[in-house]
Amino acid sequence: MYNATYAEIGRKMREMPLEKTCASYEWEELVQKMCASDDAGLHAIGVRELEILRKKCPDCPVFRSC
């Protein structure tokens, strides 16, 4: 009984589509931190990189701030 349940869970996991990200989580986090920076230079870099990420992945909710 348990083996059948685990097999069913495994089958469903294999059928689920993988989420494709435009950038690594670390890069997204760094860009967000640069956008929030009080340093004008870092903020400008963050805004520029955020625009690049928005163009790569327009549907990502992560890139709506800044």
PDB file of N, CA and C in Angstrom:
ATOM      1  N   MET A   1       0.815  -1.194   0.000  1.00  0.00           N
ATOM      2  CA  MET A   1       0.000   0.000   0.000  1.00  0.00           C
ATOM      3  C   MET A   1       0.863   1.264   0.000  1.00  0.00           C
ATOM      4  N   TYR A   2       1.864   1.291   0.899  1.00  0.00           N
ATOM      5  CA  TYR A   2       2.721   2.473   0.971  1.00  0.00           C
ATOM      6  C   TYR A   2       3.533   2.666  -0.296  1.00  0.00           C
ATOM      7  N   ASN A   3       4.016   1.566  -0.869  1.00  0.00           N
ATOM      8  CA  ASN A   3       4.800   1.664  -2.095  1.00  0.00           C
ATOM      9  C   ASN A   3       3.975   2.263  -3.222  1.00  0.00           C
ATOM     10  N   ALA A   4       2.717   1.892  -3.304  1.00  0.00           N
ATOM     11  CA  ALA A   4       1.850   2.443  -4.343  1.00  0.00           C
ATOM     12  C   ALA A   4       1.655   3.939  -4.143  1.00  0.00           C
ATOM     13  N   THR A   5       1.507   4.356  -2.885  1.00  0.00           N
ATOM     14  CA  THR A   5       1.337   5.784  -2.590  1.00  0.00           C
ATOM     15  C   THR A   5       2.583   6.559  -2.971  1.00  0.00           C
ATOM     16  N   TYR A   6       3.765   6.028  -2.594  1.00  0.00           N
ATOM     17  CA  TYR A   6       5.018   6.699  -2.935  1.00  0.00           C
ATOM     18  C   TYR A   6       5.235   6.737  -4.444  1.00  0.00           C
ATOM     19  N   ALA A   7       4.859   5.667  -5.124  1.00  0.00           N
ATOM     20  CA  ALA A   7       4.987   5.625  -6.575  1.00  0.00           C
ATOM     21  C   ALA A   7       4.094   6.675  -7.217  1.00  0.00           C
ATOM     22  N   GLU A   8       2.887   6.835  -6.693  1.00  0.00           N
ATOM     23  CA  GLU A   8       1.957   7.841  -7.223  1.00  0.00           C
ATOM     24  C   GLU A   8       2.487   9.251  -6.992  1.00  0.00           C
ATOM     25  N   ILE A   9       3.026   9.507  -5.806  1.00  0.00           N
ATOM     26  CA  ILE A   9       3.610  10.818  -5.510  1.00  0.00           C
ATOM     27  C   ILE A   9       4.790  11.093  -6.441  1.00  0.00           C
ATOM     28  N   GLY A  10       5.648  10.112  -6.620  1.00  0.00           N
ATOM     29  CA  GLY A  10       6.794  10.261  -7.519  1.00  0.00           C
ATOM     30  C   GLY A  10       6.368  10.534  -8.946  1.00  0.00           C
ATOM     31  N   ARG A  11       5.334   9.832  -9.401  1.00  0.00           N
ATOM     32  CA  ARG A  11       4.838  10.045 -10.768  1.00  0.00           C
ATOM     33  C   ARG A  11       4.315  11.458 -10.937  1.00  0.00           C
ATOM     34  N   LYS A  12       3.549  11.934  -9.958  1.00  0.00           N
ATOM     35  CA  LYS A  12       3.001  13.287 -10.033  1.00  0.00           C
ATOM     36  C   LYS A  12       4.102  14.340 -10.003  1.00  0.00           C
ATOM     37  N   MET A  13       5.140  14.102  -9.217  1.00  0.00           N
ATOM     38  CA  MET A  13       6.249  15.064  -9.147  1.00  0.00           C
ATOM     39  C   MET A  13       6.990  15.138 -10.469  1.00  0.00           C
ATOM     40  N   ARG A  14       7.159  14.001 -11.136  1.00  0.00           N
ATOM     41  CA  ARG A  14       7.845  13.996 -12.429  1.00  0.00           C
ATOM     42  C   ARG A  14       7.018  14.693 -13.499  1.00  0.00           C
ATOM     43  N   GLU A  15       5.708  14.668 -13.374  1.00  0.00           N
ATOM     44  CA  GLU A  15       4.832  15.282 -14.371  1.00  0.00           C
ATOM     45  C   GLU A  15       4.691  16.793 -14.183  1.00  0.00           C
ATOM     46  N   MET A  16       5.028  17.286 -12.996  1.00  0.00           N
ATOM     47  CA  MET A  16       4.896  18.720 -12.735  1.00  0.00           C
ATOM     48  C   MET A  16       5.955  19.481 -13.527  1.00  0.00           C
ATOM     49  N   PRO A  17       5.574  20.554 -14.210  1.00  0.00           N
ATOM     50  CA  PRO A  17       6.582  21.322 -14.948  1.00  0.00           C
ATOM     51  C   PRO A  17       7.494  22.069 -13.978  1.00  0.00           C
ATOM     52  N   LEU A  18       8.761  22.119 -14.320  1.00  0.00           N
ATOM     53  CA  LEU A  18       9.707  22.851 -13.497  1.00  0.00           C
ATOM     54  C   LEU A  18       9.583  24.342 -13.777  1.00  0.00           C
ATOM     55  N   GLU A  19       9.690  25.126 -12.723  1.00  0.00           N
ATOM     56  CA  GLU A  19       9.654  26.572 -12.910  1.00  0.00           C
ATOM     57  C   GLU A  19      10.984  27.010 -13.489  1.00  0.00           C
ATOM     58  N   LYS A  20      10.907  27.834 -14.491  1.00  0.00           N
ATOM     59  CA  LYS A  20      12.126  28.345 -15.103  1.00  0.00           C
ATOM     60  C   LYS A  20      12.331  29.771 -14.620  1.00  0.00           C
ATOM     61  N   THR A  21      13.498  30.014 -14.084  1.00  0.00           N
ATOM     62  CA  THR A  21      13.793  31.360 -13.618  1.00  0.00           C
ATOM     63  C   THR A  21      14.701  32.049 -14.615  1.00  0.00           C
ATOM     64  N   CYS A  22      14.620  33.346 -14.628  1.00  0.00           N
ATOM     65  CA  CYS A  22      15.436  34.133 -15.546  1.00  0.00           C
ATOM     66  C   CYS A  22      16.817  34.394 -14.973  1.00  0.00           C
ATOM     67  N   ALA A  23      16.911  34.356 -13.670  1.00  0.00           N
ATOM     68  CA  ALA A  23      18.177  34.609 -12.995  1.00  0.00           C
ATOM     69  C   ALA A  23      18.211  33.779 -11.721  1.00  0.00           C
ATOM     70  N   SER A  24      19.395  33.643 -11.177  1.00  0.00           N
ATOM     71  CA  SER A  24      19.503  32.884  -9.937  1.00  0.00           C
ATOM     72  C   SER A  24      18.876  33.667  -8.793  1.00  0.00           C
ATOM     73  N   TYR A  25      18.477  32.949  -7.784  1.00  0.00           N
ATOM     74  CA  TYR A  25      17.887  33.582  -6.604  1.00  0.00           C
ATOM     75  C   TYR A  25      18.865  34.575  -5.981  1.00  0.00           C
ATOM     76  N   GLU A  26      20.139  34.207  -5.952  1.00  0.00           N
ATOM     77  CA  GLU A  26      21.147  35.084  -5.366  1.00  0.00           C
ATOM     78  C   GLU A  26      21.234  36.404  -6.125  1.00  0.00           C
ATOM     79  N   TRP A  27      21.193  36.343  -7.461  1.00  0.00           N
ATOM     80  CA  TRP A  27      21.281  37.564  -8.263  1.00  0.00           C
ATOM     81  C   TRP A  27      20.035  38.430  -8.057  1.00  0.00           C
ATOM     82  N   GLU A  28      18.874  37.814  -8.021  1.00  0.00           N
ATOM     83  CA  GLU A  28      17.638  38.561  -7.778  1.00  0.00           C
ATOM     84  C   GLU A  28      17.706  39.292  -6.439  1.00  0.00           C
ATOM     85  N   GLU A  29      18.202  38.595  -5.416  1.00  0.00           N
ATOM     86  CA  GLU A  29      18.303  39.181  -4.086  1.00  0.00           C
ATOM     87  C   GLU A  29      19.298  40.339  -4.079  1.00  0.00           C
ATOM     88  N   LEU A  30      20.437  40.170  -4.757  1.00  0.00           N
ATOM     89  CA  LEU A  30      21.437  41.233  -4.818  1.00  0.00           C
ATOM     90  C   LEU A  30      20.890  42.460  -5.544  1.00  0.00           C
ATOM     91  N   VAL A  31      20.195  42.257  -6.638  1.00  0.00           N
ATOM     92  CA  VAL A  31      19.607  43.378  -7.382  1.00  0.00           C
ATOM     93  C   VAL A  31      18.598  44.116  -6.503  1.00  0.00           C
ATOM     94  N   GLN A  32      17.781  43.398  -5.771  1.00  0.00           N
ATOM     95  CA  GLN A  32      16.810  44.034  -4.881  1.00  0.00           C
ATOM     96  C   GLN A  32      17.512  44.840  -3.792  1.00  0.00           C
ATOM     97  N   LYS A  33      18.607  44.301  -3.254  1.00  0.00           N
ATOM     98  CA  LYS A  33      19.355  45.020  -2.220  1.00  0.00           C
ATOM     99  C   LYS A  33      20.005  46.273  -2.791  1.00  0.00           C
ATOM    100  N   MET A  34      20.516  46.185  -4.017  1.00  0.00           N
ATOM    101  CA  MET A  34      21.107  47.371  -4.640  1.00  0.00           C
ATOM    102  C   MET A  34      20.039  48.434  -4.894  1.00  0.00           C
ATOM    103  N   CYS A  35      18.854  48.012  -5.294  1.00  0.00           N
ATOM    104  CA  CYS A  35      17.765  48.965  -5.513  1.00  0.00           C
ATOM    105  C   CYS A  35      17.394  49.690  -4.219  1.00  0.00           C
ATOM    106  N   ALA A  36      17.483  49.002  -3.111  1.00  0.00           N
ATOM    107  CA  ALA A  36      17.101  49.570  -1.821  1.00  0.00           C
ATOM    108  C   ALA A  36      18.252  50.333  -1.157  1.00  0.00           C
ATOM    109  N   SER A  37      19.420  50.334  -1.779  1.00  0.00           N
ATOM    110  CA  SER A  37      20.598  50.961  -1.186  1.00  0.00           C
ATOM    111  C   SER A  37      20.467  52.486  -1.151  1.00  0.00           C
ATOM    112  N   ASP A  38      21.027  53.084  -0.100  1.00  0.00           N
ATOM    113  CA  ASP A  38      21.082  54.552   0.010  1.00  0.00           C
ATOM    114  C   ASP A  38      22.204  55.129  -0.849  1.00  0.00           C
ATOM    115  N   ASP A  39      23.145  54.295  -1.231  1.00  0.00           N
ATOM    116  CA  ASP A  39      24.256  54.725  -2.085  1.00  0.00           C
ATOM    117  C   ASP A  39      23.722  54.942  -3.505  1.00  0.00           C
ATOM    118  N   ALA A  40      23.915  56.139  -4.020  1.00  0.00           N
ATOM    119  CA  ALA A  40      23.367  56.490  -5.345  1.00  0.00           C
ATOM    120  C   ALA A  40      23.927  55.596  -6.447  1.00  0.00           C
ATOM    121  N   GLY A  41      25.204  55.255  -6.374  1.00  0.00           N
ATOM    122  CA  GLY A  41      25.813  54.410  -7.396  1.00  0.00           C
ATOM    123  C   GLY A  41      25.247  53.004  -7.392  1.00  0.00           C
ATOM    124  N   LEU A  42      25.154  52.413  -6.191  1.00  0.00           N
ATOM    125  CA  LEU A  42      24.583  51.067  -6.091  1.00  0.00           C
ATOM    126  C   LEU A  42      23.118  51.058  -6.502  1.00  0.00           C
ATOM    127  N   HIS A  43      22.394  52.092  -6.108  1.00  0.00           N
ATOM    128  CA  HIS A  43      20.979  52.170  -6.476  1.00  0.00           C
ATOM    129  C   HIS A  43      20.832  52.231  -8.002  1.00  0.00           C
ATOM    130  N   ALA A  44      21.661  53.032  -8.652  1.00  0.00           N
ATOM    131  CA  ALA A  44      21.598  53.152 -10.116  1.00  0.00           C
ATOM    132  C   ALA A  44      21.898  51.814 -10.791  1.00  0.00           C
ATOM    133  N   ILE A  45      22.893  51.105 -10.283  1.00  0.00           N
ATOM    134  CA  ILE A  45      23.215  49.782 -10.835  1.00  0.00           C
ATOM    135  C   ILE A  45      22.041  48.831 -10.625  1.00  0.00           C
ATOM    136  N   GLY A  46      21.444  48.868  -9.440  1.00  0.00           N
ATOM    137  CA  GLY A  46      20.294  48.014  -9.151  1.00  0.00           C
ATOM    138  C   GLY A  46      19.131  48.279 -10.081  1.00  0.00           C
ATOM    139  N   VAL A  47      18.844  49.547 -10.320  1.00  0.00           N
ATOM    140  CA  VAL A  47      17.736  49.910 -11.216  1.00  0.00           C
ATOM    141  C   VAL A  47      18.029  49.430 -12.631  1.00  0.00           C
ATOM    142  N   ARG A  48      19.272  49.621 -13.081  1.00  0.00           N
ATOM    143  CA  ARG A  48      19.650  49.184 -14.430  1.00  0.00           C
ATOM    144  C   ARG A  48      19.517  47.668 -14.571  1.00  0.00           C
ATOM    145  N   GLU A  49      20.035  46.932 -13.596  1.00  0.00           N
ATOM    146  CA  GLU A  49      19.960  45.470 -13.648  1.00  0.00           C
ATOM    147  C   GLU A  49      18.520  44.976 -13.526  1.00  0.00           C
ATOM    148  N   LEU A  50      17.711  45.680 -12.743  1.00  0.00           N
ATOM    149  CA  LEU A  50      16.309  45.314 -12.605  1.00  0.00           C
ATOM    150  C   LEU A  50      15.583  45.448 -13.942  1.00  0.00           C
ATOM    151  N   GLU A  51      15.889  46.503 -14.675  1.00  0.00           N
ATOM    152  CA  GLU A  51      15.271  46.670 -15.998  1.00  0.00           C
ATOM    153  C   GLU A  51      15.667  45.538 -16.948  1.00  0.00           C
ATOM    154  N   ILE A  52      16.908  45.107 -16.860  1.00  0.00           N
ATOM    155  CA  ILE A  52      17.360  43.981 -17.692  1.00  0.00           C
ATOM    156  C   ILE A  52      16.592  42.720 -17.318  1.00  0.00           C
ATOM    157  N   LEU A  53      16.441  42.477 -16.001  1.00  0.00           N
ATOM    158  CA  LEU A  53      15.695  41.294 -15.552  1.00  0.00           C
ATOM    159  C   LEU A  53      14.229  41.371 -15.962  1.00  0.00           C
ATOM    160  N   ARG A  54      13.651  42.549 -15.910  1.00  0.00           N
ATOM    161  CA  ARG A  54      12.241  42.709 -16.323  1.00  0.00           C
ATOM    162  C   ARG A  54      12.062  42.393 -17.791  1.00  0.00           C
ATOM    163  N   LYS A  55      13.037  42.758 -18.610  1.00  0.00           N
ATOM    164  CA  LYS A  55      12.947  42.457 -20.040  1.00  0.00           C
ATOM    165  C   LYS A  55      13.095  40.963 -20.295  1.00  0.00           C
ATOM    166  N   LYS A  56      13.965  40.307 -19.521  1.00  0.00           N
ATOM    167  CA  LYS A  56      14.173  38.868 -19.671  1.00  0.00           C
ATOM    168  C   LYS A  56      12.964  38.073 -19.208  1.00  0.00           C
ATOM    169  N   CYS A  57      12.324  38.553 -18.155  1.00  0.00           N
ATOM    170  CA  CYS A  57      11.249  37.799 -17.537  1.00  0.00           C
ATOM    171  C   CYS A  57      10.123  38.767 -17.108  1.00  0.00           C
ATOM    172  N   PRO A  58       9.315  39.215 -18.055  1.00  0.00           N
ATOM    173  CA  PRO A  58       8.301  40.231 -17.736  1.00  0.00           C
ATOM    174  C   PRO A  58       7.198  39.770 -16.809  1.00  0.00           C
ATOM    175  N   ASP A  59       6.997  38.471 -16.659  1.00  0.00           N
ATOM    176  CA  ASP A  59       5.916  37.955 -15.820  1.00  0.00           C
ATOM    177  C   ASP A  59       6.332  37.683 -14.373  1.00  0.00           C
ATOM    178  N   CYS A  60       7.617  37.843 -14.050  1.00  0.00           N
ATOM    179  CA  CYS A  60       8.092  37.549 -12.697  1.00  0.00           C
ATOM    180  C   CYS A  60       7.654  38.632 -11.722  1.00  0.00           C
ATOM    181  N   PRO A  61       6.942  38.279 -10.668  1.00  0.00           N
ATOM    182  CA  PRO A  61       6.483  39.283  -9.693  1.00  0.00           C
ATOM    183  C   PRO A  61       7.629  39.858  -8.869  1.00  0.00           C
ATOM    184  N   VAL A  62       8.747  39.170  -8.815  1.00  0.00           N
ATOM    185  CA  VAL A  62       9.893  39.620  -8.036  1.00  0.00           C
ATOM    186  C   VAL A  62      10.433  40.947  -8.555  1.00  0.00           C
ATOM    187  N   PHE A  63      10.320  41.191  -9.836  1.00  0.00           N
ATOM    188  CA  PHE A  63      10.952  42.337 -10.474  1.00  0.00           C
ATOM    189  C   PHE A  63      10.043  43.550 -10.583  1.00  0.00           C
ATOM    190  N   ARG A  64       8.994  43.614  -9.801  1.00  0.00           N
ATOM    191  CA  ARG A  64       8.074  44.745  -9.906  1.00  0.00           C
ATOM    192  C   ARG A  64       8.413  45.885  -8.969  1.00  0.00           C
ATOM    193  N   SER A  65       9.367  45.681  -8.063  1.00  0.00           N
ATOM    194  CA  SER A  65       9.706  46.741  -7.115  1.00  0.00           C
ATOM    195  C   SER A  65      10.959  47.468  -7.573  1.00  0.00           C
ATOM    196  N   CYS A  66      11.237  48.589  -6.942  1.00  0.00           N
ATOM    197  CA  CYS A  66      12.446  49.372  -7.121  1.00  0.00           C
ATOM    198  C   CYS A  66      12.139  50.689  -7.763  1.00  0.00           C
TER     199      CYS A  66
END
